[in-house]
Amino acid sequence: MEQQQPYSERFPVGASVRVVPLSEHKRFSSEWKWHHPLQSDQLRFAGVVAKVREVGFYHGGDVLYQLDGLPGTWHEQCLRPV
């Protein structure tokens, strides 16, 4: 994966993204111990395509997304380009 500058999103507002497959989603959910943990109901959206509604940054540069029609806060590591 290409290296990004801090506070720089990979997916701009309006971009279409795909939530990672269930196996990757579950792995991230079990390994991530920091801010904004994934909620269990987010797992059902594995593989779904959605548009980026909003982009935000956690202190330190972690990119967080809000997606149209999908609940919760999404980490960039859980999204792929379409």
Protein backbone atom coordinates (compact mmCIF):
# COMPACT_ATOMS: atom_id res chain seq x y z
CA MET A 1 0.00 0.00 0.00
CA GLU A 2 1.25 3.49 -0.80
CA GLN A 3 2.44 5.75 2.00
CA GLN A 4 0.21 8.75 2.81
CA GLN A 5 0.93 12.08 4.38
CA PRO A 6 -0.60 12.57 7.86
CA TYR A 7 -4.11 14.04 7.80
CA SER A 8 -4.61 13.03 4.19
CA GLU A 9 -7.52 10.79 3.25
CA ARG A 10 -7.29 8.05 0.66
CA PHE A 11 -10.99 8.38 -0.23
CA PRO A 12 -12.45 11.89 -0.67
CA VAL A 13 -16.06 12.82 0.00
CA GLY A 14 -18.22 11.38 -2.78
CA ALA A 15 -15.87 8.48 -3.58
CA SER A 16 -17.30 4.98 -3.79
CA VAL A 17 -15.67 2.47 -1.46
CA ARG A 18 -16.17 -1.19 -0.64
CA VAL A 19 -16.11 -2.46 2.94
CA VAL A 20 -13.48 -5.19 3.27
CA PRO A 21 -14.55 -8.87 3.21
CA LEU A 22 -15.87 -10.40 6.42
CA SER A 23 -12.61 -12.19 7.27
CA GLU A 24 -10.61 -8.93 7.16
CA HIS A 25 -13.39 -7.05 8.93
CA LYS A 26 -13.41 -9.55 11.81
CA ARG A 27 -9.62 -9.51 12.08
CA PHE A 28 -9.50 -5.72 12.27
CA SER A 29 -12.31 -5.71 14.81
CA SER A 30 -10.51 -8.17 17.08
CA GLU A 31 -7.06 -6.55 16.77
CA TRP A 32 -7.95 -2.85 16.95
CA LYS A 33 -7.67 -1.63 20.56
CA TRP A 34 -7.69 2.14 20.14
CA HIS A 35 -10.29 4.80 19.36
CA HIS A 36 -13.60 4.21 17.61
CA PRO A 37 -13.81 0.41 17.84
CA LEU A 38 -16.06 -1.18 15.25
CA GLN A 39 -19.53 -2.06 16.45
CA SER A 40 -20.72 -5.64 15.99
CA ASP A 41 -23.56 -4.53 13.69
CA GLN A 42 -20.99 -3.12 11.26
CA LEU A 43 -19.84 -6.66 10.39
CA ARG A 44 -23.01 -7.25 8.37
CA PHE A 45 -21.83 -4.65 5.86
CA ALA A 46 -18.75 -6.59 4.77
CA GLY A 47 -18.39 -6.32 0.99
CA VAL A 48 -20.98 -3.54 0.65
CA VAL A 49 -20.30 -0.57 -1.63
CA ALA A 50 -21.13 2.92 -0.31
CA LYS A 51 -20.22 6.56 -0.92
CA VAL A 52 -18.09 8.57 1.46
CA ARG A 53 -20.30 11.17 3.16
CA GLU A 54 -17.75 12.69 5.53
CA VAL A 55 -14.04 12.42 6.31
CA GLY A 56 -12.50 13.16 9.69
CA PHE A 57 -9.18 12.63 11.42
CA TYR A 58 -8.36 11.31 14.84
CA HIS A 59 -5.46 12.91 16.70
CA GLY A 60 -2.33 11.43 15.17
CA GLY A 61 -3.74 11.26 11.67
CA ASP A 62 -5.96 8.15 11.63
CA VAL A 63 -8.59 8.70 8.94
CA LEU A 64 -12.22 8.05 9.88
CA TYR A 65 -15.18 7.97 7.49
CA GLN A 66 -18.93 8.28 7.59
CA LEU A 67 -20.59 6.39 4.74
CA ASP A 68 -23.99 6.99 3.13
CA GLY A 69 -26.51 4.42 4.32
CA LEU A 70 -24.11 2.60 6.67
CA PRO A 71 -24.09 3.18 10.41
CA GLY A 72 -21.02 3.88 12.50
CA THR A 73 -17.57 5.26 11.98
CA TRP A 74 -15.38 3.46 9.47
CA HIS A 75 -11.60 3.18 9.62
CA GLU A 76 -9.66 3.59 6.39
CA GLN A 77 -8.15 0.10 6.92
CA CYS A 78 -11.67 -1.34 6.52
CA LEU A 79 -12.30 0.22 3.12
CA ARG A 80 -11.08 -0.51 -0.40
CA PRO A 81 -11.48 1.33 -3.72
CA VAL A 82 -14.24 0.12 -5.99
